[in-house]
Every structure is written in C-alpha cells, then in structure tokens.
C-alpha cells in the first residue's frame, strides 16, 4: 500500500530491520528492493511480548524500517474532543500571511503574550 495512505495517528513505534546472517540476506534484499521499486510499504504482523501488532515495512538504505501501527480501536475519535471547540472568527489580516512578512511577525508577536486557557488539555490519541 502507498505510505501516504497510512494516517499518522495509527503510527506507533519505529524499528530498524536487518537480515539475520548470510542465509537470509538475499531474500531480505529481494523484498527490500521490491518494496523500494514499487514505492510502497508492505503490511504484516509481528509478535512482541506475546501481543500481535500490525507492522508497515519500508525500504530504508540497505535495510528496512518497520513501523508498528495501532489498531483502529486504539485510536480515539477526534470528534469526541473537537466537537466542543467553538468556531473562531479570524480577522482577515491574520489569514494568508507568510510568516516572514513584517505584518505576519507583528500579528504573531502581538499574540505571543497570550496565555493558554486552563481548560486546554493534552490527551493521547
């Protein structure tokens, strides 16, 4: 599957993957290069500490990187958190400004002293 189709919310932990000795090097290289040529990631299953995980494999240099993925039930729905956020009216002079423009710097610096509400919460996805 194309890597861009994996939502970042599902990505968990990265691991470098290397062949184990000479016996598996050729098979490893064939799989790695097939993944690289197709521009895809391979999806598989792996067991760590008696728990099965989904893993996405991608070519990385002479080896591969495996990224464990969260199952859908492990990812919280964003609307549970975002639905209560009120629509904010943003002044036109704050939209569409490149951050390097002097006007944008003034807007950002005027807001830099703002305090974050005590109602702001950080939660794991």
N, C-alpha and C. Protein backbone atom coordinates (compact mmCIF):
# COMPACT_ATOMS: atom_id res chain seq x y z
N UNK A 1 0.83 -1.18 0.00
CA UNK A 1 0.00 0.00 0.00
C UNK A 1 0.88 1.24 0.00
N UNK A 2 0.41 2.34 -0.57
CA UNK A 2 1.20 3.58 -0.54
C UNK A 2 1.33 4.10 0.90
N UNK A 3 2.52 4.55 1.24
CA UNK A 3 2.78 5.04 2.61
C UNK A 3 1.86 6.18 2.98
N UNK A 4 1.56 7.04 2.02
CA UNK A 4 0.73 8.20 2.32
C UNK A 4 -0.70 7.83 2.72
N UNK A 5 -1.09 6.59 2.49
CA UNK A 5 -2.43 6.15 2.87
C UNK A 5 -2.52 5.74 4.34
N UNK A 6 -1.40 5.71 5.04
CA UNK A 6 -1.40 5.36 6.46
C UNK A 6 -1.47 6.65 7.26
N UNK A 7 -2.58 6.89 7.90
CA UNK A 7 -2.77 8.09 8.72
C UNK A 7 -1.75 8.08 9.86
N UNK A 8 -1.12 9.23 10.12
CA UNK A 8 -0.11 9.35 11.18
C UNK A 8 -0.64 8.92 12.55
N UNK A 9 -1.92 9.07 12.77
CA UNK A 9 -2.48 8.68 14.06
C UNK A 9 -2.29 7.20 14.36
N UNK A 10 -2.16 6.39 13.32
CA UNK A 10 -2.01 4.96 13.50
C UNK A 10 -0.55 4.53 13.70
N UNK A 11 0.39 5.42 13.38
CA UNK A 11 1.81 5.07 13.52
C UNK A 11 2.18 5.02 15.00
N UNK A 12 2.96 3.99 15.36
CA UNK A 12 3.30 3.81 16.76
C UNK A 12 4.80 3.87 16.99
N UNK A 13 5.50 2.77 16.83
CA UNK A 13 6.94 2.72 17.12
C UNK A 13 7.74 2.24 15.92
N UNK A 14 8.88 2.93 15.62
CA UNK A 14 9.72 2.51 14.50
C UNK A 14 10.79 1.51 14.97
N UNK A 15 11.17 0.61 14.08
CA UNK A 15 12.22 -0.38 14.33
C UNK A 15 13.05 -0.54 13.07
N UNK A 16 14.38 -0.62 13.23
CA UNK A 16 15.23 -0.97 12.10
C UNK A 16 15.20 -2.49 11.95
N UNK A 17 15.13 -2.94 10.71
CA UNK A 17 15.08 -4.37 10.43
C UNK A 17 16.26 -4.73 9.53
N UNK A 18 17.01 -5.74 9.95
CA UNK A 18 18.19 -6.20 9.21
C UNK A 18 18.09 -7.71 9.04
N UNK A 19 18.79 -8.27 8.04
CA UNK A 19 18.78 -9.72 7.88
C UNK A 19 19.56 -10.39 9.00
N UNK A 20 19.21 -11.62 9.30
CA UNK A 20 19.87 -12.39 10.35
C UNK A 20 20.86 -13.36 9.70
N UNK A 21 22.08 -12.91 9.51
CA UNK A 21 23.11 -13.77 8.92
C UNK A 21 23.04 -13.83 7.41
N UNK A 22 23.97 -14.62 6.83
CA UNK A 22 24.08 -14.71 5.38
C UNK A 22 22.92 -15.43 4.72
N UNK A 23 22.32 -16.37 5.41
CA UNK A 23 21.27 -17.20 4.81
C UNK A 23 20.10 -16.35 4.31
N UNK A 24 19.69 -15.36 5.09
CA UNK A 24 18.51 -14.59 4.71
C UNK A 24 18.80 -13.32 3.96
N UNK A 25 20.08 -13.01 3.69
CA UNK A 25 20.41 -11.72 3.08
C UNK A 25 19.82 -11.54 1.68
N UNK A 26 19.86 -12.57 0.87
CA UNK A 26 19.35 -12.42 -0.49
C UNK A 26 17.83 -12.24 -0.49
N UNK A 27 17.12 -13.05 0.28
CA UNK A 27 15.66 -12.91 0.36
C UNK A 27 15.30 -11.54 0.92
N UNK A 28 16.04 -11.09 1.93
CA UNK A 28 15.82 -9.77 2.52
C UNK A 28 15.99 -8.69 1.46
N UNK A 29 17.10 -8.77 0.69
CA UNK A 29 17.39 -7.77 -0.34
C UNK A 29 16.32 -7.76 -1.42
N UNK A 30 15.82 -8.93 -1.81
CA UNK A 30 14.77 -9.02 -2.84
C UNK A 30 13.50 -8.32 -2.35
N UNK A 31 13.10 -8.61 -1.11
CA UNK A 31 11.89 -7.98 -0.55
C UNK A 31 12.09 -6.47 -0.43
N UNK A 32 13.24 -6.05 0.11
CA UNK A 32 13.53 -4.63 0.29
C UNK A 32 13.48 -3.89 -1.04
N UNK A 33 14.12 -4.45 -2.08
CA UNK A 33 14.16 -3.76 -3.37
C UNK A 33 12.80 -3.77 -4.07
N UNK A 34 12.02 -4.81 -3.88
CA UNK A 34 10.66 -4.85 -4.46
C UNK A 34 9.81 -3.74 -3.83
N UNK A 35 9.93 -3.59 -2.52
CA UNK A 35 9.19 -2.53 -1.82
C UNK A 35 9.65 -1.17 -2.32
N UNK A 36 10.97 -1.00 -2.43
CA UNK A 36 11.53 0.29 -2.87
C UNK A 36 11.07 0.63 -4.29
N UNK A 37 11.16 -0.34 -5.22
CA UNK A 37 10.80 -0.09 -6.62
C UNK A 37 9.33 0.25 -6.78
N UNK A 38 8.48 -0.36 -5.99
CA UNK A 38 7.05 -0.09 -6.09
C UNK A 38 6.66 1.20 -5.37
N UNK A 39 7.56 1.72 -4.52
CA UNK A 39 7.25 2.93 -3.75
C UNK A 39 6.14 2.69 -2.75
N UNK A 40 6.10 1.49 -2.23
CA UNK A 40 5.03 1.09 -1.32
C UNK A 40 5.61 0.68 0.04
N UNK A 41 4.72 0.37 0.96
CA UNK A 41 5.09 -0.29 2.21
C UNK A 41 4.40 -1.64 2.22
N UNK A 42 5.06 -2.60 2.84
CA UNK A 42 4.46 -3.93 3.00
C UNK A 42 3.81 -3.97 4.38
N UNK A 43 2.66 -4.58 4.46
CA UNK A 43 1.94 -4.69 5.74
C UNK A 43 2.02 -6.14 6.19
N UNK A 44 2.37 -6.33 7.46
CA UNK A 44 2.47 -7.67 8.01
C UNK A 44 2.08 -7.69 9.47
N UNK A 45 2.29 -8.83 10.09
CA UNK A 45 2.02 -8.99 11.52
C UNK A 45 3.28 -9.47 12.20
N UNK A 46 3.49 -9.02 13.42
CA UNK A 46 4.64 -9.40 14.22
C UNK A 46 4.19 -9.55 15.67
N UNK A 47 4.86 -10.41 16.43
CA UNK A 47 4.50 -10.60 17.83
C UNK A 47 5.64 -10.09 18.70
N UNK A 48 5.33 -9.14 19.59
CA UNK A 48 6.25 -8.64 20.61
C UNK A 48 5.61 -8.93 21.96
N UNK A 49 6.36 -9.51 22.84
CA UNK A 49 5.90 -9.82 24.20
C UNK A 49 4.48 -10.39 24.22
N UNK A 50 4.29 -11.43 23.47
CA UNK A 50 3.05 -12.19 23.37
C UNK A 50 1.83 -11.37 22.92
N UNK A 51 2.08 -10.27 22.21
CA UNK A 51 0.98 -9.47 21.65
C UNK A 51 1.24 -9.26 20.17
N UNK A 52 0.22 -9.49 19.37
CA UNK A 52 0.34 -9.32 17.93
C UNK A 52 0.16 -7.86 17.56
N UNK A 53 1.02 -7.38 16.66
CA UNK A 53 0.96 -6.00 16.16
C UNK A 53 0.93 -6.03 14.64
N UNK A 54 0.34 -5.02 14.06
CA UNK A 54 0.43 -4.80 12.62
C UNK A 54 1.69 -3.96 12.40
N UNK A 55 2.44 -4.28 11.35
CA UNK A 55 3.67 -3.55 11.07
C UNK A 55 3.72 -3.17 9.60
N UNK A 56 4.17 -1.95 9.34
CA UNK A 56 4.38 -1.48 7.96
C UNK A 56 5.89 -1.48 7.72
N UNK A 57 6.32 -2.16 6.66
CA UNK A 57 7.74 -2.25 6.31
C UNK A 57 8.04 -1.36 5.12
N UNK A 58 9.11 -0.57 5.23
CA UNK A 58 9.53 0.25 4.11
C UNK A 58 11.05 0.16 3.96
N UNK A 59 11.53 0.28 2.72
CA UNK A 59 12.96 0.24 2.45
C UNK A 59 13.60 1.48 3.05
N UNK A 60 14.75 1.28 3.69
CA UNK A 60 15.49 2.39 4.27
C UNK A 60 16.98 2.08 4.14
N UNK A 61 17.65 2.75 3.22
CA UNK A 61 19.06 2.49 2.99
C UNK A 61 19.27 1.03 2.59
N UNK A 62 20.21 0.36 3.27
CA UNK A 62 20.49 -1.05 2.99
C UNK A 62 19.58 -1.97 3.78
N UNK A 63 18.76 -1.39 4.65
CA UNK A 63 17.88 -2.20 5.48
C UNK A 63 16.43 -1.84 5.25
N UNK A 64 15.63 -2.08 6.26
CA UNK A 64 14.22 -1.69 6.22
C UNK A 64 13.86 -1.08 7.57
N UNK A 65 12.80 -0.33 7.56
CA UNK A 65 12.24 0.19 8.79
C UNK A 65 10.86 -0.41 8.94
N UNK A 66 10.57 -0.88 10.11
CA UNK A 66 9.24 -1.36 10.42
C UNK A 66 8.58 -0.39 11.38
N UNK A 67 7.37 0.01 11.07
CA UNK A 67 6.62 0.91 11.95
C UNK A 67 5.40 0.14 12.45
N UNK A 68 5.36 -0.09 13.76
CA UNK A 68 4.17 -0.74 14.27
C UNK A 68 3.01 0.24 14.17
N UNK A 69 1.85 -0.31 13.91
CA UNK A 69 0.65 0.50 13.71
C UNK A 69 -0.38 0.18 14.78
N UNK A 70 -1.10 1.19 15.17
CA UNK A 70 -2.19 0.99 16.14
C UNK A 70 -3.39 0.41 15.42
N UNK A 71 -4.14 -0.40 16.14
CA UNK A 71 -5.41 -0.89 15.62
C UNK A 71 -6.44 0.23 15.72
N UNK A 72 -7.46 0.23 14.88
CA UNK A 72 -8.45 1.30 14.93
C UNK A 72 -9.08 1.51 16.32
N UNK A 73 -9.29 0.43 17.07
CA UNK A 73 -9.90 0.60 18.39
C UNK A 73 -8.96 1.30 19.38
N UNK A 74 -7.67 1.40 19.05
CA UNK A 74 -6.70 2.06 19.93
C UNK A 74 -6.61 3.57 19.68
N UNK A 75 -7.23 4.05 18.61
CA UNK A 75 -7.17 5.47 18.26
C UNK A 75 -8.51 6.11 18.61
N UNK A 76 -8.44 7.14 19.40
CA UNK A 76 -9.66 7.84 19.80
C UNK A 76 -10.20 8.69 18.66
N UNK A 77 -11.50 8.82 18.59
CA UNK A 77 -12.14 9.63 17.55
C UNK A 77 -11.95 11.10 17.87
N UNK A 78 -11.50 11.86 16.88
CA UNK A 78 -11.21 13.28 17.12
C UNK A 78 -12.45 14.09 17.46
N UNK A 79 -13.60 13.70 16.93
CA UNK A 79 -14.80 14.49 17.21
C UNK A 79 -15.20 14.43 18.69
N UNK A 80 -14.76 13.41 19.42
CA UNK A 80 -15.01 13.36 20.87
C UNK A 80 -14.36 14.55 21.57
N UNK A 81 -13.31 15.10 20.98
CA UNK A 81 -12.56 16.20 21.59
C UNK A 81 -12.81 17.52 20.89
N UNK A 82 -12.97 17.49 19.57
CA UNK A 82 -13.03 18.72 18.80
C UNK A 82 -14.44 19.30 18.66
N UNK A 83 -15.47 18.50 18.88
CA UNK A 83 -16.84 18.99 18.69
C UNK A 83 -17.19 20.16 19.60
N UNK A 84 -16.58 20.24 20.77
CA UNK A 84 -16.90 21.31 21.72
C UNK A 84 -16.13 22.60 21.46
N UNK A 85 -15.21 22.58 20.50
CA UNK A 85 -14.45 23.80 20.19
C UNK A 85 -15.34 24.73 19.38
N UNK A 86 -15.48 25.94 19.87
CA UNK A 86 -16.33 26.91 19.18
C UNK A 86 -15.64 27.42 17.93
N UNK A 87 -16.44 27.77 16.92
CA UNK A 87 -15.90 28.38 15.71
C UNK A 87 -15.36 29.75 16.07
N UNK A 88 -14.15 30.01 15.70
CA UNK A 88 -13.49 31.28 16.00
C UNK A 88 -13.49 32.15 14.76
N UNK A 89 -13.89 33.39 14.90
CA UNK A 89 -13.84 34.32 13.78
C UNK A 89 -12.42 34.88 13.72
N UNK A 90 -11.78 34.64 12.59
CA UNK A 90 -10.39 35.06 12.43
C UNK A 90 -10.36 36.32 11.56
N UNK A 91 -9.75 37.38 12.07
CA UNK A 91 -9.66 38.61 11.27
C UNK A 91 -8.91 38.36 9.97
N UNK A 92 -9.37 39.03 8.91
CA UNK A 92 -8.77 38.84 7.59
C UNK A 92 -7.28 39.12 7.58
N UNK A 93 -6.82 40.08 8.41
CA UNK A 93 -5.39 40.41 8.38
C UNK A 93 -4.52 39.30 8.99
N UNK A 94 -5.14 38.31 9.60
CA UNK A 94 -4.38 37.19 10.16
C UNK A 94 -4.32 36.01 9.20
N UNK A 95 -5.12 36.01 8.18
CA UNK A 95 -5.14 34.90 7.22
C UNK A 95 -4.24 35.19 6.03
N UNK A 96 -3.62 34.15 5.51
CA UNK A 96 -2.86 34.25 4.28
C UNK A 96 -1.58 35.03 4.34
N UNK A 97 -1.05 35.26 5.52
CA UNK A 97 0.20 35.99 5.63
C UNK A 97 1.38 35.02 5.71
N UNK A 98 2.37 35.19 4.88
CA UNK A 98 3.56 34.35 5.05
C UNK A 98 4.24 34.71 6.35
N UNK A 99 4.76 33.72 7.10
CA UNK A 99 5.35 34.00 8.40
C UNK A 99 6.56 34.93 8.35
N UNK A 100 7.14 35.14 7.16
CA UNK A 100 8.31 36.01 7.07
C UNK A 100 7.94 37.47 6.83
N UNK A 101 6.68 37.75 6.54
CA UNK A 101 6.30 39.14 6.28
C UNK A 101 6.31 39.93 7.58
N UNK A 102 6.62 41.22 7.48
CA UNK A 102 6.68 42.05 8.69
C UNK A 102 5.31 42.14 9.35
N UNK A 103 4.27 42.14 8.56
CA UNK A 103 2.91 42.19 9.10
C UNK A 103 2.59 40.91 9.88
N UNK A 104 2.98 39.76 9.31
CA UNK A 104 2.75 38.49 10.00
C UNK A 104 3.53 38.45 11.30
N UNK A 105 4.77 38.93 11.29
CA UNK A 105 5.58 38.96 12.53
C UNK A 105 4.90 39.82 13.59
N UNK A 106 4.30 40.94 13.19
CA UNK A 106 3.60 41.81 14.15
C UNK A 106 2.41 41.07 14.76
N UNK A 107 1.64 40.39 13.91
CA UNK A 107 0.48 39.65 14.39
C UNK A 107 0.91 38.56 15.36
N UNK A 108 1.94 37.81 14.98
CA UNK A 108 2.42 36.72 15.84
C UNK A 108 2.97 37.27 17.14
N UNK A 109 3.75 38.35 17.07
CA UNK A 109 4.32 38.89 18.30
C UNK A 109 3.23 39.50 19.19
N UNK A 110 2.17 40.03 18.59
CA UNK A 110 1.09 40.58 19.41
C UNK A 110 0.33 39.49 20.14
N UNK A 111 0.36 38.27 19.59
CA UNK A 111 -0.34 37.15 20.22
C UNK A 111 0.58 36.32 21.12
N UNK A 112 1.88 36.55 21.06
CA UNK A 112 2.81 35.68 21.77
C UNK A 112 2.68 35.78 23.28
N UNK A 113 2.13 36.87 23.79
CA UNK A 113 1.96 37.01 25.23
C UNK A 113 0.67 36.38 25.72
N UNK A 114 -0.16 35.88 24.81
CA UNK A 114 -1.44 35.28 25.21
C UNK A 114 -1.19 34.04 26.05
N UNK A 115 -2.04 33.86 27.04
CA UNK A 115 -1.92 32.68 27.89
C UNK A 115 -2.88 31.60 27.41
N UNK A 116 -2.44 30.36 27.58
CA UNK A 116 -3.28 29.23 27.23
C UNK A 116 -4.28 29.03 28.35
N UNK A 117 -5.51 28.82 27.99
CA UNK A 117 -6.57 28.60 28.98
C UNK A 117 -6.28 27.40 29.85
N UNK A 118 -6.69 27.47 31.10
CA UNK A 118 -6.52 26.31 31.99
C UNK A 118 -7.42 25.16 31.55
N UNK A 119 -8.34 25.43 30.63
CA UNK A 119 -9.20 24.38 30.13
C UNK A 119 -8.55 23.60 28.99
N UNK A 120 -7.37 24.02 28.54
CA UNK A 120 -6.68 23.31 27.48
C UNK A 120 -6.11 22.02 28.04
N UNK A 121 -6.40 20.92 27.36
CA UNK A 121 -5.94 19.61 27.83
C UNK A 121 -5.15 18.92 26.73
N UNK A 122 -4.13 18.21 27.13
CA UNK A 122 -3.40 17.37 26.20
C UNK A 122 -3.79 15.93 26.48
N UNK A 123 -4.18 15.22 25.45
CA UNK A 123 -4.57 13.83 25.61
C UNK A 123 -3.90 12.98 24.54
N UNK A 124 -3.58 11.77 24.88
CA UNK A 124 -3.01 10.85 23.90
C UNK A 124 -4.06 10.50 22.86
N UNK A 125 -3.60 10.36 21.63
CA UNK A 125 -4.50 9.95 20.56
C UNK A 125 -4.77 8.48 20.75
